Amino acid sequence: ELLPELEKLSQTRANLNIFEVTGMGQQEIKHSNVLGFFLDPSGEHGLEDRFLKRILQSTVKSFPVNSNTGPQAPSALRIMLDDYSDAVVHREWLHIDLIIVSETNKTVFVIENKVGAKEGDNQLTRYREKIDAHPKFEGYQKIYAFLTPDGDEASDSEWGQITYEEVLSNLLESQKEKSNKISSESKLLINHYTQRSEEHTSELQSHSFIS
């Protein structure tokens, strides 16, 4: 509802950013909400499943050599070829930031997002064990991603590491690939999100902020 007015204001105020206005800043909940919106193949952004598949590929490529998850997860090539349009995004289910489930591919993708904060005591291991033990995900391929501004190493070797730089790069590339299906409003939203996230990541790196 705000986007039409935002577009008008942007013509006169080049530095106006919707995510700064709404106080997204370092709030993990708001970052995860926006990320969940773009990862949802059925979302009204026009990206379809392209962004989700790119983030999945970035994650599986990051698995440590000694990880047991790597062999159990689909390869980057397999992800590119498969259809993830049925994927459903869950927010704060089982107290986890993002859980994305594709029934067609029997795959569950888990993202723990840390913005300006550190991992809690054994947090990643506890979350992984919840998913591993959940009866719904028996026989599923499981992919775990630890998302931080700087690509902090996960305490659990079953988790891959991804950075906000990778997220933003993949989002912009997805936008280019689906440019014919993305509305001007969605392009504006993506541009504002990438701009604010880049600025905030730079602020965190400059000040070494820890909440």
N, C-alpha and C. Protein backbone atom coordinates (compact mmCIF):
# COMPACT_ATOMS: atom_id res chain seq x y z
N GLU A 1 0.82 -1.20 0.00
CA GLU A 1 0.00 0.00 0.00
C GLU A 1 0.86 1.26 0.00
N LEU A 2 2.05 1.19 0.60
CA LEU A 2 2.93 2.35 0.68
C LEU A 2 3.71 2.59 -0.60
N LEU A 3 3.86 1.56 -1.43
CA LEU A 3 4.77 1.65 -2.57
C LEU A 3 4.44 2.76 -3.56
N PRO A 4 3.17 2.98 -3.94
CA PRO A 4 2.89 4.08 -4.89
C PRO A 4 3.35 5.44 -4.36
N GLU A 5 3.07 5.70 -3.08
CA GLU A 5 3.50 6.96 -2.49
C GLU A 5 5.01 7.02 -2.37
N LEU A 6 5.61 5.89 -2.05
CA LEU A 6 7.06 5.82 -1.93
C LEU A 6 7.72 6.15 -3.27
N GLU A 7 7.13 5.65 -4.36
CA GLU A 7 7.69 5.90 -5.68
C GLU A 7 7.66 7.39 -6.00
N LYS A 8 6.56 8.06 -5.60
CA LYS A 8 6.47 9.50 -5.83
C LYS A 8 7.52 10.26 -5.01
N LEU A 9 7.64 9.87 -3.74
CA LEU A 9 8.60 10.53 -2.86
C LEU A 9 10.03 10.30 -3.31
N SER A 10 10.29 9.11 -3.85
CA SER A 10 11.65 8.77 -4.28
C SER A 10 12.14 9.69 -5.39
N GLN A 11 11.20 10.25 -6.15
CA GLN A 11 11.57 11.13 -7.25
C GLN A 11 12.11 12.47 -6.74
N THR A 12 11.73 12.83 -5.51
CA THR A 12 12.19 14.10 -4.95
C THR A 12 13.21 13.92 -3.84
N ARG A 13 13.24 12.72 -3.22
CA ARG A 13 14.19 12.44 -2.13
C ARG A 13 14.95 11.16 -2.45
N ALA A 14 16.12 11.32 -3.04
CA ALA A 14 16.89 10.17 -3.50
C ALA A 14 17.33 9.26 -2.36
N ASN A 15 17.44 9.81 -1.14
CA ASN A 15 17.95 9.02 -0.02
C ASN A 15 16.84 8.36 0.79
N LEU A 16 15.59 8.50 0.36
CA LEU A 16 14.50 7.90 1.10
C LEU A 16 14.49 6.39 0.89
N ASN A 17 14.38 5.64 1.99
CA ASN A 17 14.39 4.19 1.91
C ASN A 17 13.28 3.63 2.78
N ILE A 18 12.41 2.83 2.18
CA ILE A 18 11.24 2.33 2.91
C ILE A 18 11.63 1.50 4.13
N PHE A 19 12.74 0.76 4.03
CA PHE A 19 13.13 -0.10 5.13
C PHE A 19 13.78 0.70 6.27
N GLU A 20 14.38 1.82 5.92
CA GLU A 20 14.90 2.72 6.96
C GLU A 20 13.75 3.42 7.65
N VAL A 21 12.75 3.85 6.87
CA VAL A 21 11.58 4.51 7.43
C VAL A 21 10.84 3.60 8.40
N THR A 22 10.75 2.31 8.05
CA THR A 22 10.03 1.36 8.91
C THR A 22 10.89 0.84 10.05
N GLY A 23 12.14 1.30 10.13
CA GLY A 23 13.00 0.94 11.25
C GLY A 23 13.51 -0.47 11.20
N MET A 24 13.73 -1.03 9.99
CA MET A 24 14.19 -2.41 9.90
C MET A 24 15.56 -2.56 10.56
N GLY A 25 16.51 -1.66 10.18
CA GLY A 25 17.81 -1.65 10.82
C GLY A 25 18.38 -3.02 11.07
N GLN A 26 18.70 -3.28 12.36
CA GLN A 26 19.31 -4.55 12.72
C GLN A 26 18.31 -5.54 13.31
N GLN A 27 17.02 -5.34 13.05
CA GLN A 27 16.01 -6.21 13.62
C GLN A 27 15.90 -7.49 12.80
N GLU A 28 16.30 -8.59 13.40
CA GLU A 28 16.31 -9.88 12.70
C GLU A 28 14.92 -10.27 12.20
N ILE A 29 13.90 -9.96 13.00
CA ILE A 29 12.55 -10.36 12.64
C ILE A 29 12.14 -9.72 11.32
N LYS A 30 12.41 -8.42 11.18
CA LYS A 30 12.01 -7.73 9.95
C LYS A 30 12.86 -8.18 8.77
N HIS A 31 14.15 -8.38 8.99
CA HIS A 31 15.00 -8.90 7.92
C HIS A 31 14.48 -10.26 7.46
N SER A 32 14.15 -11.11 8.40
CA SER A 32 13.68 -12.46 8.06
C SER A 32 12.33 -12.42 7.37
N ASN A 33 11.46 -11.49 7.77
CA ASN A 33 10.17 -11.35 7.11
C ASN A 33 10.34 -10.99 5.64
N VAL A 34 11.22 -10.02 5.37
CA VAL A 34 11.44 -9.59 3.99
C VAL A 34 12.10 -10.72 3.19
N LEU A 35 13.09 -11.36 3.80
CA LEU A 35 13.77 -12.47 3.13
C LEU A 35 12.78 -13.59 2.82
N GLY A 36 11.91 -13.89 3.77
CA GLY A 36 10.89 -14.92 3.56
C GLY A 36 9.96 -14.57 2.40
N PHE A 37 9.64 -13.29 2.28
CA PHE A 37 8.78 -12.84 1.17
C PHE A 37 9.44 -13.12 -0.17
N PHE A 38 10.71 -12.78 -0.31
CA PHE A 38 11.40 -12.97 -1.58
C PHE A 38 11.67 -14.45 -1.87
N LEU A 39 11.81 -15.27 -0.83
CA LEU A 39 12.07 -16.70 -1.02
C LEU A 39 10.81 -17.48 -1.37
N ASP A 40 9.67 -16.92 -1.12
CA ASP A 40 8.40 -17.60 -1.37
C ASP A 40 8.09 -17.59 -2.88
N PRO A 41 8.11 -18.75 -3.55
CA PRO A 41 7.87 -18.79 -4.99
C PRO A 41 6.50 -18.24 -5.40
N SER A 42 5.54 -18.27 -4.48
CA SER A 42 4.19 -17.79 -4.80
C SER A 42 4.00 -16.32 -4.43
N GLY A 43 5.07 -15.67 -3.93
CA GLY A 43 4.98 -14.27 -3.55
C GLY A 43 4.75 -13.36 -4.74
N GLU A 44 4.17 -12.20 -4.49
CA GLU A 44 3.86 -11.25 -5.57
C GLU A 44 5.06 -10.38 -5.90
N HIS A 45 6.18 -11.05 -6.20
CA HIS A 45 7.40 -10.32 -6.55
C HIS A 45 7.89 -10.65 -7.95
N GLY A 46 7.38 -11.72 -8.54
CA GLY A 46 7.73 -12.07 -9.90
C GLY A 46 9.01 -12.89 -10.04
N LEU A 47 9.66 -13.20 -8.91
CA LEU A 47 10.91 -13.97 -8.96
C LEU A 47 10.66 -15.46 -9.11
N GLU A 48 9.41 -15.87 -8.88
CA GLU A 48 9.05 -17.29 -8.87
C GLU A 48 10.00 -18.05 -7.93
N ASP A 49 10.57 -19.20 -8.35
CA ASP A 49 11.45 -19.94 -7.44
C ASP A 49 12.93 -19.67 -7.71
N ARG A 50 13.24 -18.67 -8.55
CA ARG A 50 14.63 -18.43 -8.96
C ARG A 50 15.51 -18.01 -7.78
N PHE A 51 15.04 -17.09 -6.95
CA PHE A 51 15.84 -16.64 -5.82
C PHE A 51 16.04 -17.76 -4.81
N LEU A 52 14.99 -18.51 -4.52
CA LEU A 52 15.09 -19.64 -3.60
C LEU A 52 16.14 -20.63 -4.08
N LYS A 53 16.11 -20.98 -5.35
CA LYS A 53 17.06 -21.94 -5.89
C LYS A 53 18.49 -21.41 -5.83
N ARG A 54 18.68 -20.13 -6.06
CA ARG A 54 20.02 -19.55 -5.99
C ARG A 54 20.57 -19.61 -4.56
N ILE A 55 19.71 -19.33 -3.57
CA ILE A 55 20.17 -19.38 -2.18
C ILE A 55 20.44 -20.83 -1.76
N LEU A 56 19.63 -21.75 -2.22
CA LEU A 56 19.89 -23.16 -1.95
C LEU A 56 21.25 -23.57 -2.53
N GLN A 57 21.53 -23.15 -3.75
CA GLN A 57 22.80 -23.49 -4.39
C GLN A 57 23.98 -22.90 -3.62
N SER A 58 23.86 -21.64 -3.20
CA SER A 58 24.94 -21.00 -2.44
C SER A 58 25.20 -21.75 -1.14
N THR A 59 24.12 -22.25 -0.53
CA THR A 59 24.26 -22.96 0.74
C THR A 59 24.97 -24.30 0.55
N VAL A 60 24.54 -25.10 -0.41
CA VAL A 60 25.14 -26.43 -0.57
C VAL A 60 26.61 -26.32 -1.00
N LYS A 61 26.95 -25.25 -1.69
CA LYS A 61 28.34 -25.05 -2.09
C LYS A 61 29.24 -24.69 -0.92
N SER A 62 28.62 -24.23 0.18
CA SER A 62 29.40 -23.77 1.34
C SER A 62 29.63 -24.84 2.39
N PHE A 63 29.05 -26.04 2.22
CA PHE A 63 29.16 -27.06 3.26
C PHE A 63 30.62 -27.40 3.54
N PRO A 64 30.99 -27.49 4.82
CA PRO A 64 32.36 -27.89 5.16
C PRO A 64 32.68 -29.28 4.63
N VAL A 65 33.94 -29.54 4.42
CA VAL A 65 34.38 -30.83 3.87
C VAL A 65 33.96 -31.98 4.77
N ASN A 66 33.97 -31.75 6.09
CA ASN A 66 33.66 -32.82 7.04
C ASN A 66 32.18 -32.89 7.38
N SER A 67 31.35 -32.17 6.64
CA SER A 67 29.92 -32.15 6.93
C SER A 67 29.24 -33.42 6.45
N ASN A 68 28.30 -33.90 7.25
CA ASN A 68 27.48 -35.05 6.84
C ASN A 68 26.29 -34.61 6.00
N THR A 69 26.01 -33.30 6.04
CA THR A 69 24.85 -32.78 5.31
C THR A 69 25.09 -32.79 3.82
N GLY A 70 26.32 -32.44 3.41
CA GLY A 70 26.63 -32.35 1.99
C GLY A 70 26.16 -33.54 1.17
N PRO A 71 26.56 -34.77 1.52
CA PRO A 71 26.15 -35.94 0.73
C PRO A 71 24.65 -36.18 0.76
N GLN A 72 23.96 -35.70 1.80
CA GLN A 72 22.52 -35.94 1.93
C GLN A 72 21.69 -34.87 1.22
N ALA A 73 22.32 -33.76 0.90
CA ALA A 73 21.61 -32.65 0.26
C ALA A 73 21.70 -32.77 -1.26
N PRO A 74 20.75 -32.18 -1.97
CA PRO A 74 20.83 -32.19 -3.44
C PRO A 74 22.03 -31.37 -3.91
N SER A 75 22.58 -31.72 -5.05
CA SER A 75 23.70 -30.96 -5.60
C SER A 75 23.21 -29.64 -6.16
N ALA A 76 24.14 -28.72 -6.39
CA ALA A 76 23.77 -27.42 -6.97
C ALA A 76 23.14 -27.61 -8.35
N LEU A 77 23.65 -28.58 -9.11
CA LEU A 77 23.09 -28.86 -10.44
C LEU A 77 21.68 -29.40 -10.32
N ARG A 78 21.46 -30.32 -9.37
CA ARG A 78 20.14 -30.89 -9.17
C ARG A 78 19.13 -29.80 -8.80
N ILE A 79 19.55 -28.87 -7.94
CA ILE A 79 18.68 -27.77 -7.53
C ILE A 79 18.29 -26.92 -8.73
N MET A 80 19.26 -26.64 -9.60
CA MET A 80 19.00 -25.81 -10.77
C MET A 80 17.96 -26.46 -11.68
N LEU A 81 18.00 -27.79 -11.79
CA LEU A 81 17.11 -28.50 -12.71
C LEU A 81 15.72 -28.74 -12.12
N ASP A 82 15.62 -28.83 -10.79
CA ASP A 82 14.35 -29.17 -10.16
C ASP A 82 13.41 -27.96 -10.09
N ASP A 83 12.14 -28.24 -9.88
CA ASP A 83 11.10 -27.22 -9.77
C ASP A 83 10.74 -27.06 -8.29
N TYR A 84 10.94 -25.85 -7.76
CA TYR A 84 10.63 -25.57 -6.36
C TYR A 84 9.43 -24.64 -6.21
N SER A 85 8.61 -24.59 -7.23
CA SER A 85 7.47 -23.66 -7.20
C SER A 85 6.44 -24.01 -6.13
N ASP A 86 6.51 -25.24 -5.59
CA ASP A 86 5.55 -25.64 -4.56
C ASP A 86 6.04 -25.30 -3.15
N ALA A 87 7.24 -24.76 -3.02
CA ALA A 87 7.84 -24.54 -1.70
C ALA A 87 6.99 -23.58 -0.86
N VAL A 88 6.89 -23.90 0.43
CA VAL A 88 6.13 -23.09 1.39
C VAL A 88 7.10 -22.55 2.44
N VAL A 89 6.99 -21.26 2.72
CA VAL A 89 7.88 -20.60 3.68
C VAL A 89 7.18 -20.48 5.02
N HIS A 90 7.83 -20.95 6.07
CA HIS A 90 7.31 -20.84 7.44
C HIS A 90 8.21 -19.92 8.25
N ARG A 91 7.60 -18.98 8.96
CA ARG A 91 8.35 -18.06 9.82
C ARG A 91 8.15 -18.45 11.29
N GLU A 92 9.27 -18.56 12.00
CA GLU A 92 9.26 -18.83 13.44
C GLU A 92 8.53 -20.12 13.80
N TRP A 93 8.51 -21.07 12.90
CA TRP A 93 7.98 -22.40 13.22
C TRP A 93 9.09 -23.14 13.97
N LEU A 94 8.74 -23.78 15.07
CA LEU A 94 9.70 -24.46 15.94
C LEU A 94 10.76 -23.48 16.44
N HIS A 95 10.39 -22.19 16.51
CA HIS A 95 11.28 -21.11 16.98
C HIS A 95 12.47 -20.87 16.05
N ILE A 96 12.36 -21.34 14.81
CA ILE A 96 13.44 -21.17 13.83
C ILE A 96 13.04 -20.05 12.87
N ASP A 97 14.02 -19.23 12.50
CA ASP A 97 13.73 -18.05 11.67
C ASP A 97 12.96 -18.40 10.41
N LEU A 98 13.50 -19.29 9.58
CA LEU A 98 12.86 -19.64 8.32
C LEU A 98 12.99 -21.14 8.07
N ILE A 99 11.86 -21.77 7.78
CA ILE A 99 11.84 -23.17 7.35
C ILE A 99 11.07 -23.21 6.05
N ILE A 100 11.71 -23.69 4.99
CA ILE A 100 11.10 -23.73 3.67
C ILE A 100 10.97 -25.18 3.24
N VAL A 101 9.77 -25.59 2.91
CA VAL A 101 9.49 -27.00 2.63
C VAL A 101 8.98 -27.18 1.21
N SER A 102 9.63 -28.07 0.47
CA SER A 102 9.15 -28.45 -0.86
C SER A 102 8.74 -29.92 -0.79
N GLU A 103 7.44 -30.15 -0.88
CA GLU A 103 6.94 -31.53 -0.83
C GLU A 103 7.35 -32.29 -2.09
N THR A 104 7.31 -31.62 -3.23
CA THR A 104 7.66 -32.26 -4.50
C THR A 104 9.07 -32.83 -4.48
N ASN A 105 10.00 -32.05 -3.93
CA ASN A 105 11.42 -32.46 -3.91
C ASN A 105 11.82 -33.13 -2.60
N LYS A 106 10.85 -33.29 -1.67
CA LYS A 106 11.13 -33.88 -0.37
C LYS A 106 12.37 -33.22 0.25
N THR A 107 12.32 -31.90 0.30
CA THR A 107 13.45 -31.11 0.80
C THR A 107 12.96 -30.09 1.82
N VAL A 108 13.70 -29.97 2.92
CA VAL A 108 13.44 -28.92 3.90
C VAL A 108 14.70 -28.06 4.02
N PHE A 109 14.52 -26.76 3.89
CA PHE A 109 15.61 -25.78 3.91
C PHE A 109 15.43 -24.90 5.13
N VAL A 110 16.43 -24.89 6.01
CA VAL A 110 16.35 -24.16 7.28
C VAL A 110 17.36 -23.01 7.26
N ILE A 111 16.90 -21.80 7.61
CA ILE A 111 17.79 -20.64 7.67
C ILE A 111 17.71 -20.04 9.07
N GLU A 112 18.86 -19.91 9.71
CA GLU A 112 18.96 -19.17 10.96
C GLU A 112 19.68 -17.86 10.65
N ASN A 113 19.00 -16.76 10.90
CA ASN A 113 19.47 -15.44 10.51
C ASN A 113 19.97 -14.66 11.74
N LYS A 114 21.21 -14.21 11.68
CA LYS A 114 21.77 -13.42 12.77
C LYS A 114 22.23 -12.07 12.23
N VAL A 115 21.57 -11.01 12.69
CA VAL A 115 21.92 -9.66 12.28
C VAL A 115 22.44 -8.89 13.49
N GLY A 116 23.76 -8.71 13.57
CA GLY A 116 24.32 -7.97 14.70
C GLY A 116 24.23 -8.70 16.01
N ALA A 117 24.10 -10.01 15.98
CA ALA A 117 24.01 -10.81 17.21
C ALA A 117 24.77 -12.11 17.00
N LYS A 118 25.06 -12.78 18.10
CA LYS A 118 25.79 -14.05 18.04
C LYS A 118 24.85 -15.22 18.27
N GLU A 119 25.29 -16.37 17.83
CA GLU A 119 24.52 -17.61 18.02
C GLU A 119 24.41 -17.92 19.51
N GLY A 120 23.22 -18.38 19.92
CA GLY A 120 23.02 -18.80 21.29
C GLY A 120 23.73 -20.11 21.57
N ASP A 121 23.78 -20.50 22.82
CA ASP A 121 24.48 -21.71 23.24
C ASP A 121 23.90 -22.94 22.55
N ASN A 122 24.73 -23.58 21.70
CA ASN A 122 24.32 -24.78 20.97
C ASN A 122 23.03 -24.59 20.18
N GLN A 123 22.74 -23.35 19.81
CA GLN A 123 21.48 -23.04 19.14
C GLN A 123 21.32 -23.79 17.83
N LEU A 124 22.35 -23.81 17.01
CA LEU A 124 22.24 -24.46 15.70
C LEU A 124 22.08 -25.97 15.82
N THR A 125 22.79 -26.55 16.77
CA THR A 125 22.66 -28.00 16.99
C THR A 125 21.25 -28.34 17.46
N ARG A 126 20.73 -27.53 18.37
CA ARG A 126 19.38 -27.78 18.88
C ARG A 126 18.34 -27.67 17.77
N TYR A 127 18.49 -26.67 16.91
CA TYR A 127 17.55 -26.50 15.81
C TYR A 127 17.65 -27.66 14.81
N ARG A 128 18.89 -28.07 14.51
CA ARG A 128 19.06 -29.18 13.57
C ARG A 128 18.42 -30.45 14.14
N GLU A 129 18.63 -30.70 15.41
CA GLU A 129 18.08 -31.91 16.02
C GLU A 129 16.55 -31.89 16.01
N LYS A 130 15.95 -30.70 16.14
CA LYS A 130 14.49 -30.59 16.05
C LYS A 130 13.99 -31.05 14.67
N ILE A 131 14.68 -30.56 13.63
CA ILE A 131 14.29 -30.90 12.27
C ILE A 131 14.55 -32.38 11.99
N ASP A 132 15.74 -32.86 12.40
CA ASP A 132 16.09 -34.27 12.15
C ASP A 132 15.10 -35.23 12.81
N ALA A 133 14.59 -34.83 13.98
CA ALA A 133 13.70 -35.71 14.74
C ALA A 133 12.23 -35.53 14.38
N HIS A 134 11.90 -34.51 13.61
CA HIS A 134 10.50 -34.22 13.31
C HIS A 134 9.94 -35.29 12.36
N PRO A 135 8.82 -35.92 12.72
CA PRO A 135 8.27 -36.99 11.88
C PRO A 135 7.88 -36.52 10.48
N LYS A 136 7.51 -35.25 10.33
CA LYS A 136 7.13 -34.74 9.01
C LYS A 136 8.28 -34.82 8.02
N PHE A 137 9.52 -34.70 8.53
CA PHE A 137 10.67 -34.61 7.64
C PHE A 137 11.46 -35.91 7.53
N GLU A 138 10.84 -37.01 7.93
CA GLU A 138 11.49 -38.30 7.77
C GLU A 138 11.67 -38.60 6.27
N GLY A 139 12.88 -38.90 5.87
CA GLY A 139 13.17 -39.19 4.47
C GLY A 139 13.40 -37.97 3.61
N TYR A 140 13.34 -36.79 4.21
CA TYR A 140 13.55 -35.55 3.45
C TYR A 140 15.04 -35.23 3.34
N GLN A 141 15.42 -34.54 2.27
CA GLN A 141 16.74 -33.94 2.17
C GLN A 141 16.72 -32.68 3.02
N LYS A 142 17.73 -32.52 3.85
CA LYS A 142 17.76 -31.40 4.79
C LYS A 142 18.96 -30.50 4.51
N ILE A 143 18.69 -29.20 4.39
CA ILE A 143 19.73 -28.22 4.11
C ILE A 143 19.65 -27.13 5.18
N TYR A 144 20.78 -26.87 5.84
CA TYR A 144 20.83 -25.90 6.93
C TYR A 144 21.75 -24.75 6.55
N ALA A 145 21.25 -23.50 6.70
CA ALA A 145 22.04 -22.32 6.34
C ALA A 145 22.12 -21.35 7.52
N PHE A 146 23.34 -20.96 7.86
CA PHE A 146 23.58 -19.96 8.90
C PHE A 146 23.89 -18.64 8.18
N LEU A 147 22.97 -17.68 8.29
CA LEU A 147 23.08 -16.41 7.57
C LEU A 147 23.55 -15.30 8.50
N THR A 148 24.69 -14.69 8.17
CA THR A 148 25.24 -13.58 8.95
C THR A 148 25.84 -12.55 8.00
N PRO A 149 26.05 -11.31 8.47
CA PRO A 149 26.65 -10.30 7.59
C PRO A 149 28.03 -10.70 7.09
N ASP A 150 28.84 -11.34 7.94
CA ASP A 150 30.23 -11.63 7.58
C ASP A 150 30.49 -13.10 7.26
N GLY A 151 29.47 -13.93 7.23
CA GLY A 151 29.68 -15.35 6.98
C GLY A 151 30.33 -16.05 8.16
N ASP A 152 29.85 -15.73 9.38
CA ASP A 152 30.40 -16.35 10.59
C ASP A 152 30.32 -17.87 10.50
N GLU A 153 31.33 -18.52 11.01
CA GLU A 153 31.36 -19.98 10.97
C GLU A 153 30.32 -20.55 11.93
N ALA A 154 29.58 -21.52 11.47
CA ALA A 154 28.56 -22.15 12.31
C ALA A 154 29.23 -23.08 13.31
N SER A 155 28.66 -23.14 14.51
CA SER A 155 29.21 -24.01 15.55
C SER A 155 28.93 -25.49 15.25
N ASP A 156 27.94 -25.75 14.41
CA ASP A 156 27.55 -27.11 14.02
C ASP A 156 28.00 -27.34 12.58
N SER A 157 28.79 -28.37 12.35
CA SER A 157 29.37 -28.61 11.02
C SER A 157 28.35 -29.00 9.97
N GLU A 158 27.11 -29.28 10.39
CA GLU A 158 26.07 -29.64 9.42
C GLU A 158 25.44 -28.42 8.76
N TRP A 159 25.83 -27.23 9.21
CA TRP A 159 25.28 -26.00 8.66
C TRP A 159 26.25 -25.37 7.67
N GLY A 160 25.69 -24.90 6.55
CA GLY A 160 26.47 -24.11 5.62
C GLY A 160 26.43 -22.65 6.04
N GLN A 161 27.36 -21.85 5.53
CA GLN A 161 27.40 -20.42 5.85
C GLN A 161 27.08 -19.60 4.61
N ILE A 162 26.21 -18.62 4.75
CA ILE A 162 25.96 -17.67 3.67
C ILE A 162 25.97 -16.26 4.26
N THR A 163 26.32 -15.30 3.43
CA THR A 163 26.42 -13.91 3.87
C THR A 163 25.32 -13.07 3.24
N TYR A 164 25.13 -11.87 3.80
CA TYR A 164 24.16 -10.97 3.20
C TYR A 164 24.63 -10.50 1.83
N GLU A 165 25.92 -10.44 1.63
CA GLU A 165 26.44 -10.09 0.30
C GLU A 165 25.97 -11.11 -0.74
N GLU A 166 26.01 -12.40 -0.37
CA GLU A 166 25.54 -13.44 -1.28
C GLU A 166 24.03 -13.34 -1.50
N VAL A 167 23.30 -13.06 -0.43
CA VAL A 167 21.85 -12.91 -0.53
C VAL A 167 21.50 -11.79 -1.50
N LEU A 168 22.14 -10.64 -1.32
CA LEU A 168 21.83 -9.48 -2.16
C LEU A 168 22.25 -9.71 -3.60
N SER A 169 23.42 -10.33 -3.80
CA SER A 169 23.89 -10.63 -5.15
C SER A 169 22.93 -11.57 -5.86
N ASN A 170 22.49 -12.61 -5.16
CA ASN A 170 21.55 -13.57 -5.75
C ASN A 170 20.19 -12.93 -6.01
N LEU A 171 19.79 -12.02 -5.14
CA LEU A 171 18.51 -11.34 -5.33
C LEU A 171 18.54 -10.46 -6.59
N LEU A 172 19.62 -9.72 -6.76
CA LEU A 172 19.75 -8.86 -7.93
C LEU A 172 19.87 -9.67 -9.22
N GLU A 173 20.61 -10.78 -9.16
CA GLU A 173 20.73 -11.64 -10.34
C GLU A 173 19.39 -12.28 -10.69
N SER A 174 18.64 -12.66 -9.67
CA SER A 174 17.31 -13.23 -9.91
C SER A 174 16.39 -12.20 -10.55
N GLN A 175 16.52 -10.97 -10.10
CA GLN A 175 15.71 -9.89 -10.67
C GLN A 175 16.03 -9.70 -12.16
N LYS A 176 17.31 -9.76 -12.50
CA LYS A 176 17.71 -9.64 -13.91
C LYS A 176 17.14 -10.78 -14.75
N GLU A 177 17.22 -11.99 -14.20
CA GLU A 177 16.77 -13.16 -14.94
C GLU A 177 15.26 -13.17 -15.15
N LYS A 178 14.52 -12.55 -14.22
CA LYS A 178 13.06 -12.53 -14.30
C LYS A 178 12.53 -11.12 -14.57
N SER A 179 13.35 -10.28 -15.18
CA SER A 179 13.00 -8.87 -15.36
C SER A 179 11.69 -8.66 -16.11
N ASN A 180 11.37 -9.57 -17.02
CA ASN A 180 10.14 -9.43 -17.81
C ASN A 180 8.89 -9.74 -17.01
N LYS A 181 9.05 -10.34 -15.82
CA LYS A 181 7.89 -10.71 -15.00
C LYS A 181 7.78 -9.89 -13.72
N ILE A 182 8.75 -9.01 -13.49
CA ILE A 182 8.77 -8.24 -12.25
C ILE A 182 8.18 -6.86 -12.48
N SER A 183 7.23 -6.49 -11.64
CA SER A 183 6.58 -5.18 -11.75
C SER A 183 7.52 -4.07 -11.28
N SER A 184 7.20 -2.85 -11.63
CA SER A 184 8.01 -1.71 -11.20
C SER A 184 8.00 -1.57 -9.68
N GLU A 185 6.86 -1.93 -9.06
CA GLU A 185 6.79 -1.87 -7.60
C GLU A 185 7.74 -2.87 -6.95
N SER A 186 7.80 -4.08 -7.52
CA SER A 186 8.69 -5.10 -6.97
C SER A 186 10.15 -4.71 -7.16
N LYS A 187 10.47 -4.12 -8.32
CA LYS A 187 11.84 -3.67 -8.56
C LYS A 187 12.23 -2.60 -7.55
N LEU A 188 11.30 -1.70 -7.26
CA LEU A 188 11.56 -0.66 -6.28
C LEU A 188 11.81 -1.26 -4.90
N LEU A 189 11.00 -2.25 -4.54
CA LEU A 189 11.15 -2.91 -3.25
C LEU A 189 12.49 -3.62 -3.14
N ILE A 190 12.89 -4.33 -4.20
CA ILE A 190 14.18 -5.03 -4.21
C ILE A 190 15.33 -4.03 -4.10
N ASN A 191 15.23 -2.93 -4.84
CA ASN A 191 16.30 -1.93 -4.79
C ASN A 191 16.45 -1.32 -3.41
N HIS A 192 15.32 -1.03 -2.76
CA HIS A 192 15.37 -0.44 -1.42
C HIS A 192 15.92 -1.44 -0.40
N TYR A 193 15.54 -2.70 -0.56
CA TYR A 193 16.03 -3.72 0.37
C TYR A 193 17.53 -3.93 0.22
N THR A 194 18.00 -4.03 -1.01
CA THR A 194 19.42 -4.25 -1.22
C THR A 194 20.23 -3.04 -0.75
N GLN A 195 19.72 -1.85 -1.02
CA GLN A 195 20.43 -0.64 -0.60
C GLN A 195 20.55 -0.58 0.93
N ARG A 196 19.43 -0.80 1.62
CA ARG A 196 19.46 -0.70 3.09
C ARG A 196 20.29 -1.82 3.69
N SER A 197 20.21 -3.02 3.14
CA SER A 197 20.98 -4.14 3.68
C SER A 197 22.48 -3.93 3.48
N GLU A 198 22.87 -3.38 2.33
CA GLU A 198 24.28 -3.09 2.08
C GLU A 198 24.80 -2.05 3.06
N GLU A 199 23.99 -1.02 3.31
CA GLU A 199 24.39 0.03 4.24
C GLU A 199 24.51 -0.52 5.66
N HIS A 200 23.55 -1.36 6.04
CA HIS A 200 23.57 -1.89 7.40
C HIS A 200 24.73 -2.86 7.60
N THR A 201 25.01 -3.68 6.61
CA THR A 201 26.14 -4.60 6.70
C THR A 201 27.44 -3.83 6.84
N SER A 202 27.55 -2.74 6.09
CA SER A 202 28.74 -1.89 6.18
C SER A 202 28.88 -1.28 7.56
N GLU A 203 27.74 -0.87 8.15
CA GLU A 203 27.75 -0.29 9.50
C GLU A 203 28.22 -1.32 10.53
N LEU A 204 27.72 -2.56 10.40
CA LEU A 204 28.11 -3.62 11.34
C LEU A 204 29.60 -3.92 11.23
N GLN A 205 30.10 -3.96 10.01
CA GLN A 205 31.53 -4.26 9.82
C GLN A 205 32.41 -3.14 10.34
N SER A 206 31.92 -1.89 10.24
CA SER A 206 32.70 -0.74 10.68
C SER A 206 32.77 -0.62 12.19
N HIS A 207 31.64 -0.93 12.83
CA HIS A 207 31.55 -0.72 14.28
C HIS A 207 31.64 -2.00 15.09
N SER A 208 31.73 -3.16 14.40
CA SER A 208 31.78 -4.46 15.09
C SER A 208 30.70 -4.55 16.14
N PHE A 209 29.48 -4.19 15.74
CA PHE A 209 28.35 -4.16 16.67
C PHE A 209 27.92 -5.56 17.07
N ILE A 210 27.74 -5.77 18.38
CA ILE A 210 27.21 -7.03 18.90
C ILE A 210 26.08 -6.69 19.86
N SER A 211 24.88 -7.18 19.55
CA SER A 211 23.75 -6.90 20.44
C SER A 211 23.69 -7.93 21.55
